[in-house]
Structure formats: C-alpha cells, structure tokens
Amino acid sequence: MIYREAGDFKTTYSADNQTFPIRFDRMGYYAVLIFAAVVIPFLINDYWANSLLIPFLIYAIAAIGLNILTGYCGQVSLGTGGFMAVGAFTSYKLMTAFPGLDMISITLLSGVSTALVGVAFGLPSLRIKGFYLAVATLAAQFFLVWLFNKVGWFYNYSASGQISAPSRDFFYFIPFEVTGPTATAPAKYLFCLLFVFVLAWVARNLTRGSVGRQWMAIRDMDIAAEIIGVSPLRAKLTAFAVSSFYVGISGALLFTVYLGAVEVGASYGIQKSFLVLFMIIIGGLGSIFGSFAGAAFMVLLPVILKVLLVDGLGFDTALSAHFQFVIVGALIMFFLIVEPHGLARLWALAKEKLRLWPFPH
C-alpha cells in the first residue's frame, strides 16, 4: 500500500549496500533534497530563514558531529560549545587576516583547526572514560571560553569583546555574498544546505564503513575491540577529530552566516553544549537521521510555543521559555527510560508497521 518492500530485491552487492536500499526511502530522500534545494529558496523570507531553516541546518551539523563522538564511539562530551567557539574565532581571524579568502575555504579551515584542538583535548580519552571523560570535556569547555574572553588577539583587541563577520562571497567563481548585512536569506540558506548535504553524506558513509565499525566496537566493548585488532588510540582520536571538524564548521556557520556578531561567553557557553547534547538524546544516539530529528525538534519547539502560548493565548514570553524547559526535560527522561534511541527509533518502528499494515505486528 503506502510503504512496501515486496518486489524490491537486489541483484548486486553494491545495490544491497547502498545508503537507502529500499526504493521508497531512496525516492523520498531525492524528493526532499530536490525540494530543499530548488523550491525552498524561492519561497523563504528573512523570518523563516532566521527563525527556522538556517539554525536547523547549522545545529544539524553540530548534532551529527556530537553523535559521531557520543552515539557511535561512546565518548561522552560536554565541550561542544567550546569547540564551536574555536570554529567561530578561527573563521573570524581568517576573515580579518585574509580579506580575499572565500567562505568555503574559511569554513573548511575553521573545521580543520577545530579538529586539531579536538584531538588535543581527546587525548585524555585514552586513559579515562564515562563520567571522568565528561568532566574532562567540561573543563575544555570552560577553558576555551575563558581563553577567547581573556586573550585579546582572538577578537582583535575590540573594546567590547564582540566580533562581527564582514561580507564574504560564496566562492571565488560564485560572486554572491553569504555573510554581512547585504547577504540575502536564500544565499545564506543554500550555503548552509550545501555543507549539510556534503557532511551528512560523508558521515553516513563513514559510520557504515570500516571506520564506523571501529568506533562502534570501541563503544560496545573497548577491551574486546582491542583484542580483535581495533586500535583504541586510532579509533578514539579519529572520532574526536571528525566530531570536532563537524562542530567547528557549525560554530563557524553560526557566527558568520546566522548571527553575524557574537560574544563568546553568551553565544558559546555551556548552554550551547547542553543544547546539542539534548538534540542527540531526543533525536537518537547513533543515528544520522536522529541528529536531524533532534535538531528540528529543538529549533521548532520555541517557535511553536511562542505561536501557541504568546501569540495565541497571550502568555508572557518568560512563561513560554519555562514551558520549553519543562517539555525538554520531560522528553529527555522519557527517551532515556522508555526509548533510548529517540525519535529515530520511533520513526523506524512506524515504518515497520507500515510494511505490514493492515495486518497486526
């Protein structure tokens, strides 16, 4: 009927091993991608871009990065906000030091620098794990925020301590601005969408390949993984590097494309680390789709509450924010107790029931 696998058989190993082996899923993915790339840019305005679409895309990258580290490799991290700050300040220094550099190169270099910092702070994971690793990454969060606040070189000795993103073009041969006051909403949206598409595709293939299997082996039982030949050093440090690369890119995009001006303590504090962590808990640990679902939920929730409570019922804005904390806290407890794999697992169960409908499951 709506969702069937009957007759959807494979004749080659490559066809059976593709990202979306079921034809219905594959066609749905292509349809969503075409709609996002071709239709939405002609429909969005500044409100939809700044309140929903651009923050969703940016936080989805951060959630994928943290999910690689925590969901796939089992290394708990509470320093996401600090690593996002590394990406933001690297992009700022590159934009001010090299005025002719395009935004693609700036964003990628910001991710590379964050990956190097992530590997440095990931070294303790070779000796400690669990709660102690979480405390170590939390210390990295506070240290990085303190460093960017206290060392004036990072913000070019600005009296206010605030950094602002100058105007930059998409790429050398694509001369339209994606940062600065004159950048349009469709340009910023398409720039973020490009990074989301490429990084999600890379993450999907990494987690399904030999590297991802090594991460999951370390996550499930590190001693057994080491016995069968998996190197904990290589697996953990590559997970920290790849995760930090993604988080650094999201931090750079959050500063350059979305906010335009930031103050590190307010924009990349511990709240940002918990926000991304809540995304992967609600969306689903160890799932690329769960990263998107969690990011969409956490971005949509305050907008929905504002429309329903503030605009609809006339509630105070502060009360709406408190309701958001209550709902997120209740959902986190629900998913941790009832369904640890989050929204991604609920979506998978729904698809399984559709396969057998109308027969009982």
Protein backbone atom coordinates (compact mmCIF):
# COMPACT_ATOMS: atom_id res chain seq x y z
CA MET A 1 0.00 0.00 0.00
CA ILE A 2 1.82 3.11 1.23
CA TYR A 3 5.13 1.55 2.20
CA ARG A 4 6.14 -1.84 0.81
CA GLU A 5 9.36 -3.76 0.21
CA ALA A 6 7.75 -6.61 -1.77
CA GLY A 7 9.46 -6.92 -5.13
CA ASP A 8 12.26 -4.55 -4.06
CA PHE A 9 15.05 -7.11 -4.38
CA LYS A 10 18.75 -6.64 -5.12
CA THR A 11 20.95 -8.44 -7.64
CA THR A 12 24.37 -6.98 -6.74
CA TYR A 13 26.31 -6.36 -3.54
CA SER A 14 26.64 -2.65 -4.33
CA ALA A 15 22.87 -2.28 -4.68
CA ASP A 16 22.28 -4.06 -1.37
CA ASN A 17 24.92 -1.93 0.37
CA GLN A 18 23.71 1.47 -0.79
CA THR A 19 22.69 4.12 1.70
CA PHE A 20 18.95 3.73 1.03
CA PRO A 21 18.44 0.14 -0.16
CA ILE A 22 14.62 0.44 -0.16
CA ARG A 23 13.36 2.22 -3.26
CA PHE A 24 10.61 4.10 -1.38
CA ASP A 25 13.17 5.56 1.04
CA ARG A 26 15.51 6.46 -1.81
CA MET A 27 12.83 8.26 -3.78
CA GLY A 28 11.68 10.10 -0.66
CA TYR A 29 15.24 11.24 0.04
CA TYR A 30 15.67 12.55 -3.51
CA ALA A 31 12.33 14.33 -3.35
CA VAL A 32 13.18 16.07 -0.07
CA LEU A 33 16.62 17.06 -1.38
CA ILE A 34 15.24 18.50 -4.63
CA PHE A 35 12.52 20.37 -2.76
CA ALA A 36 15.05 21.80 -0.30
CA ALA A 37 17.50 22.89 -3.00
CA VAL A 38 15.16 24.04 -5.77
CA VAL A 39 11.82 25.09 -4.27
CA ILE A 40 12.53 26.45 -0.78
CA PRO A 41 15.00 29.19 -1.90
CA PHE A 42 12.18 30.81 -3.89
CA LEU A 43 9.70 30.64 -1.01
CA ILE A 44 11.61 31.65 2.11
CA ASN A 45 11.86 35.12 3.55
CA ASP A 46 14.09 36.52 6.28
CA TYR A 47 11.78 35.38 9.08
CA TRP A 48 11.61 31.73 8.00
CA ALA A 49 15.32 31.65 7.22
CA ASN A 50 16.48 33.18 10.50
CA SER A 51 13.98 31.56 12.85
CA LEU A 52 13.81 28.03 11.45
CA LEU A 53 15.73 26.92 8.39
CA ILE A 54 19.25 28.28 8.89
CA PRO A 55 19.52 27.42 12.63
CA PHE A 56 18.11 23.95 11.89
CA LEU A 57 20.78 23.29 9.25
CA ILE A 58 23.61 24.61 11.44
CA TYR A 59 22.58 22.71 14.55
CA ALA A 60 22.07 19.57 12.47
CA ILE A 61 25.78 19.68 11.58
CA ALA A 62 26.70 20.10 15.26
CA ALA A 63 24.37 17.25 16.25
CA ILE A 64 25.89 14.94 13.63
CA GLY A 65 29.35 15.79 14.94
CA LEU A 66 28.46 15.08 18.56
CA ASN A 67 26.58 11.93 17.55
CA ILE A 68 29.70 10.60 15.85
CA LEU A 69 31.64 11.01 19.08
CA THR A 70 28.98 10.05 21.65
CA GLY A 71 26.48 7.93 19.73
CA TYR A 72 28.86 5.95 17.53
CA CYS A 73 32.11 5.92 19.52
CA GLY A 74 30.67 6.12 23.04
CA GLN A 75 32.85 9.04 24.20
CA VAL A 76 30.78 11.44 26.29
CA SER A 77 31.50 15.11 25.57
CA LEU A 78 30.22 18.26 27.26
CA GLY A 79 32.54 20.64 25.42
CA THR A 80 30.58 21.18 22.21
CA GLY A 81 30.07 24.89 22.85
CA GLY A 82 33.79 25.44 23.35
CA PHE A 83 34.66 23.64 20.11
CA MET A 84 32.03 25.66 18.28
CA ALA A 85 33.76 28.78 19.63
CA VAL A 86 37.05 27.53 18.15
CA GLY A 87 35.42 27.35 14.74
CA ALA A 88 33.86 30.77 15.14
CA PHE A 89 37.03 32.57 16.20
CA THR A 90 39.13 30.76 13.58
CA SER A 91 36.73 31.94 10.88
CA TYR A 92 36.88 35.49 12.30
CA LYS A 93 40.68 35.55 12.28
CA LEU A 94 40.77 34.18 8.73
CA MET A 95 38.24 36.72 7.50
CA THR A 96 40.14 39.64 9.01
CA ALA A 97 43.64 38.42 8.12
CA PHE A 98 42.84 37.30 4.55
CA PRO A 99 40.22 39.64 3.05
CA GLY A 100 40.22 37.85 -0.30
CA LEU A 101 39.51 34.39 1.09
CA ASP A 102 36.14 32.91 0.14
CA MET A 103 33.65 31.47 2.63
CA ILE A 104 34.00 27.85 1.51
CA SER A 105 37.72 27.90 2.32
CA ILE A 106 37.20 29.84 5.56
CA THR A 107 34.60 27.40 6.83
CA LEU A 108 36.63 24.31 5.93
CA LEU A 109 39.80 25.72 7.53
CA SER A 110 37.79 26.53 10.65
CA GLY A 111 36.73 22.90 10.82
CA VAL A 112 40.32 21.70 10.37
CA SER A 113 41.63 23.92 13.19
CA THR A 114 38.81 22.72 15.47
CA ALA A 115 39.67 19.11 14.61
CA LEU A 116 43.26 19.69 15.76
CA VAL A 117 42.03 21.22 19.03
CA GLY A 118 39.59 18.33 19.45
CA VAL A 119 42.37 15.76 19.06
CA ALA A 120 44.42 17.57 21.71
CA PHE A 121 41.53 17.54 24.18
CA GLY A 122 40.66 13.98 23.16
CA LEU A 123 43.95 12.56 24.42
CA PRO A 124 42.56 12.02 27.96
CA SER A 125 40.02 9.60 26.44
CA LEU A 126 42.87 7.11 26.06
CA ARG A 127 43.08 6.83 29.86
CA ILE A 128 39.65 7.80 31.18
CA LYS A 129 36.07 7.24 30.08
CA GLY A 130 32.48 7.73 31.17
CA PHE A 131 31.87 10.30 33.87
CA TYR A 132 35.54 11.27 34.11
CA LEU A 133 35.77 11.94 30.36
CA ALA A 134 32.63 14.07 30.58
CA VAL A 135 34.27 16.14 33.33
CA ALA A 136 37.43 16.50 31.22
CA THR A 137 35.49 17.78 28.20
CA LEU A 138 33.52 20.08 30.50
CA ALA A 139 36.85 21.51 31.67
CA ALA A 140 37.78 22.03 28.00
CA GLN A 141 34.53 23.95 27.54
CA PHE A 142 35.30 26.38 30.35
CA PHE A 143 38.95 26.70 29.38
CA LEU A 144 38.22 27.56 25.75
CA VAL A 145 35.56 30.14 26.68
CA TRP A 146 37.96 31.68 29.21
CA LEU A 147 40.77 31.75 26.63
CA PHE A 148 38.71 33.53 23.98
CA ASN A 149 37.44 36.02 26.54
CA LYS A 150 40.81 36.87 28.08
CA VAL A 151 43.22 36.85 25.14
CA GLY A 152 42.55 39.98 23.11
CA TRP A 153 44.30 38.69 19.99
CA PHE A 154 41.37 36.38 19.23
CA TYR A 155 38.89 39.27 18.98
CA ASN A 156 41.43 41.77 17.55
CA TYR A 157 41.51 43.70 20.85
CA SER A 158 37.98 45.00 20.40
CA ALA A 159 36.91 47.18 23.33
CA SER A 160 33.53 45.43 23.60
CA GLY A 161 34.95 41.93 23.24
CA GLN A 162 32.46 41.29 20.43
CA ILE A 163 33.37 40.05 16.96
CA SER A 164 31.46 40.82 13.75
CA ALA A 165 31.58 38.95 10.46
CA PRO A 166 32.48 41.06 7.39
CA SER A 167 30.92 40.42 3.99
CA ARG A 168 32.31 37.47 2.02
CA ASP A 169 31.42 35.72 -1.21
CA PHE A 170 30.24 32.12 -1.54
CA PHE A 171 33.29 31.04 -3.57
CA TYR A 172 35.84 32.54 -5.91
CA PHE A 173 33.78 31.80 -9.01
CA ILE A 174 30.38 32.29 -7.34
CA PRO A 175 30.32 36.00 -6.52
CA PHE A 176 27.32 36.46 -4.24
CA GLU A 177 27.60 37.28 -0.56
CA VAL A 178 26.64 34.82 2.15
CA THR A 179 27.79 36.91 5.13
CA GLY A 180 27.41 40.53 6.10
CA PRO A 181 24.42 42.89 6.20
CA THR A 182 23.71 42.67 2.46
CA ALA A 183 23.60 38.85 2.25
CA THR A 184 20.17 37.55 1.24
CA ALA A 185 18.24 34.80 3.02
CA PRO A 186 18.27 32.35 0.05
CA ALA A 187 22.05 32.76 -0.34
CA LYS A 188 22.70 32.01 3.32
CA TYR A 189 20.27 29.12 3.27
CA LEU A 190 21.83 27.50 0.19
CA PHE A 191 25.31 27.93 1.63
CA CYS A 192 24.33 26.07 4.82
CA LEU A 193 22.39 23.46 2.85
CA LEU A 194 25.48 22.66 0.78
CA PHE A 195 27.51 21.91 3.91
CA VAL A 196 24.70 19.88 5.46
CA PHE A 197 24.31 17.73 2.35
CA VAL A 198 28.03 17.02 1.94
CA LEU A 199 28.77 16.47 5.63
CA ALA A 200 25.72 14.24 6.20
CA TRP A 201 26.68 12.15 3.18
CA VAL A 202 30.27 11.81 4.43
CA ALA A 203 29.09 10.94 7.96
CA ARG A 204 26.68 8.33 6.64
CA ASN A 205 29.41 6.61 4.66
CA LEU A 206 31.95 6.87 7.47
CA THR A 207 29.63 5.26 10.01
CA ARG A 208 28.76 2.42 7.61
CA GLY A 209 32.39 1.71 6.69
CA SER A 210 35.37 0.24 8.49
CA VAL A 211 36.00 3.44 10.46
CA GLY A 212 32.44 3.46 11.79
CA ARG A 213 32.67 -0.21 12.73
CA GLN A 214 35.81 0.52 14.74
CA TRP A 215 34.01 3.36 16.54
CA MET A 216 31.06 1.14 17.39
CA ALA A 217 33.34 -1.67 18.54
CA ILE A 218 35.03 0.72 20.97
CA ARG A 219 31.63 1.95 22.11
CA ASP A 220 30.20 -1.53 22.74
CA MET A 221 33.23 -3.12 24.45
CA ASP A 222 36.62 -1.48 24.14
CA ILE A 223 38.62 -4.37 25.64
CA ALA A 224 37.12 -6.91 23.24
CA ALA A 225 37.64 -4.49 20.34
CA GLU A 226 41.32 -4.13 21.20
CA ILE A 227 41.70 -7.92 21.40
CA ILE A 228 40.37 -8.39 17.85
CA GLY A 229 42.74 -5.75 16.49
CA VAL A 230 40.95 -2.40 16.78
CA SER A 231 43.33 0.32 17.92
CA PRO A 232 41.71 2.39 20.70
CA LEU A 233 44.19 5.21 20.01
CA ARG A 234 43.26 5.48 16.36
CA ALA A 235 39.52 4.94 16.84
CA LYS A 236 39.06 7.44 19.66
CA LEU A 237 41.26 10.16 18.19
CA THR A 238 39.68 9.86 14.74
CA ALA A 239 36.26 10.14 16.38
CA PHE A 240 37.35 13.28 18.24
CA ALA A 241 38.89 14.72 15.06
CA VAL A 242 35.87 14.09 12.83
CA SER A 243 33.41 15.18 15.52
CA SER A 244 35.34 18.39 16.21
CA PHE A 245 35.60 19.09 12.48
CA TYR A 246 31.81 18.99 12.18
CA VAL A 247 31.27 21.01 15.36
CA GLY A 248 33.84 23.60 14.26
CA ILE A 249 32.08 24.06 10.93
CA SER A 250 28.74 24.52 12.71
CA GLY A 251 30.30 27.08 15.05
CA ALA A 252 31.78 28.98 12.12
CA LEU A 253 28.44 28.99 10.28
CA LEU A 254 26.60 30.04 13.41
CA PHE A 255 28.84 33.10 13.70
CA THR A 256 29.39 34.08 10.06
CA VAL A 257 26.08 33.20 8.40
CA TYR A 258 23.45 33.17 11.14
CA LEU A 259 24.35 35.56 13.97
CA GLY A 260 26.83 37.88 12.26
CA ALA A 261 28.18 39.12 15.61
CA VAL A 262 28.85 37.14 18.78
CA GLU A 263 30.25 37.41 22.27
CA VAL A 264 31.87 34.13 23.20
CA GLY A 265 30.52 33.88 26.75
CA ALA A 266 26.93 34.48 25.66
CA SER A 267 26.93 32.61 22.34
CA TYR A 268 29.13 29.58 23.02
CA GLY A 269 28.68 28.91 26.72
CA ILE A 270 27.79 25.68 28.47
CA GLN A 271 24.14 26.13 27.42
CA LYS A 272 25.20 25.50 23.82
CA SER A 273 26.86 22.23 24.81
CA PHE A 274 23.74 21.01 26.58
CA LEU A 275 21.52 22.15 23.71
CA VAL A 276 23.39 19.97 21.19
CA LEU A 277 23.51 17.09 23.69
CA PHE A 278 19.74 17.29 24.13
CA MET A 279 19.35 17.15 20.35
CA ILE A 280 21.07 13.79 20.02
CA ILE A 281 19.34 12.36 23.12
CA ILE A 282 15.87 13.27 21.84
CA GLY A 283 16.69 12.52 18.20
CA GLY A 284 18.51 9.26 18.84
CA LEU A 285 22.06 8.25 19.70
CA GLY A 286 23.98 6.52 16.92
CA SER A 287 21.72 7.78 14.13
CA ILE A 288 22.32 10.37 11.41
CA PHE A 289 18.57 10.75 10.94
CA GLY A 290 18.23 11.17 14.70
CA SER A 291 20.62 14.13 14.56
CA PHE A 292 18.33 15.86 12.05
CA ALA A 293 15.20 14.95 14.02
CA GLY A 294 16.64 16.25 17.29
CA ALA A 295 17.86 19.47 15.72
CA ALA A 296 14.47 20.04 14.07
CA PHE A 297 12.65 19.43 17.35
CA MET A 298 14.84 21.76 19.42
CA VAL A 299 14.62 24.53 16.80
CA LEU A 300 10.89 24.16 16.22
CA LEU A 301 9.84 23.87 19.87
CA PRO A 302 10.41 27.52 20.94
CA VAL A 303 8.75 28.79 17.75
CA ILE A 304 5.69 26.59 18.28
CA LEU A 305 5.41 27.57 21.94
CA LYS A 306 5.65 31.25 21.02
CA VAL A 307 2.89 30.93 18.43
CA LEU A 308 0.60 28.89 20.70
CA LEU A 309 1.22 30.45 24.12
CA VAL A 310 2.41 34.02 23.49
CA ASP A 311 0.63 34.93 20.26
CA GLY A 312 -2.37 32.63 20.69
CA LEU A 313 -3.16 32.67 24.42
CA GLY A 314 -1.41 35.88 25.42
CA PHE A 315 1.01 34.26 27.89
CA ASP A 316 4.19 36.01 28.98
CA THR A 317 7.34 35.29 26.97
CA ALA A 318 9.23 34.17 30.09
CA LEU A 319 6.48 31.65 30.87
CA SER A 320 6.80 30.24 27.36
CA ALA A 321 10.55 29.78 27.91
CA HIS A 322 9.88 27.94 31.18
CA PHE A 323 7.43 25.64 29.39
CA GLN A 324 10.19 24.85 26.92
CA PHE A 325 12.50 23.72 29.74
CA VAL A 326 9.73 21.56 31.23
CA ILE A 327 8.92 19.89 27.91
CA VAL A 328 12.56 19.22 27.02
CA GLY A 329 13.31 17.83 30.49
CA ALA A 330 10.26 15.55 30.41
CA LEU A 331 11.13 14.28 26.94
CA ILE A 332 14.74 13.58 27.90
CA MET A 333 13.59 11.48 30.87
CA PHE A 334 11.02 9.72 28.67
CA PHE A 335 13.51 8.80 25.96
CA LEU A 336 16.26 7.76 28.38
CA ILE A 337 13.86 5.44 30.23
CA VAL A 338 11.39 4.26 27.57
CA GLU A 339 13.17 4.61 24.22
CA PRO A 340 16.92 5.35 24.47
CA HIS A 341 17.25 5.54 20.68
CA GLY A 342 14.94 8.54 20.50
CA LEU A 343 12.84 9.80 17.62
CA ALA A 344 14.88 7.83 15.10
CA ARG A 345 13.73 4.56 16.67
CA LEU A 346 10.10 5.70 16.74
CA TRP A 347 10.37 6.53 13.04
CA ALA A 348 11.84 3.08 12.33
CA LEU A 349 9.01 1.39 14.26
CA ALA A 350 6.45 3.39 12.30
CA LYS A 351 7.98 2.22 9.02
CA GLU A 352 7.95 -1.39 10.21
CA LYS A 353 4.24 -1.16 10.97
CA LEU A 354 3.56 0.41 7.57
CA ARG A 355 5.28 -2.53 5.89
CA LEU A 356 2.78 -4.98 7.41
CA TRP A 357 -0.33 -2.78 7.51
CA PRO A 358 -3.23 -3.68 7.77
CA PHE A 359 -2.01 -6.92 9.35
CA PRO A 360 -1.10 -6.94 13.08
CA HIS A 361 2.52 -6.55 14.09
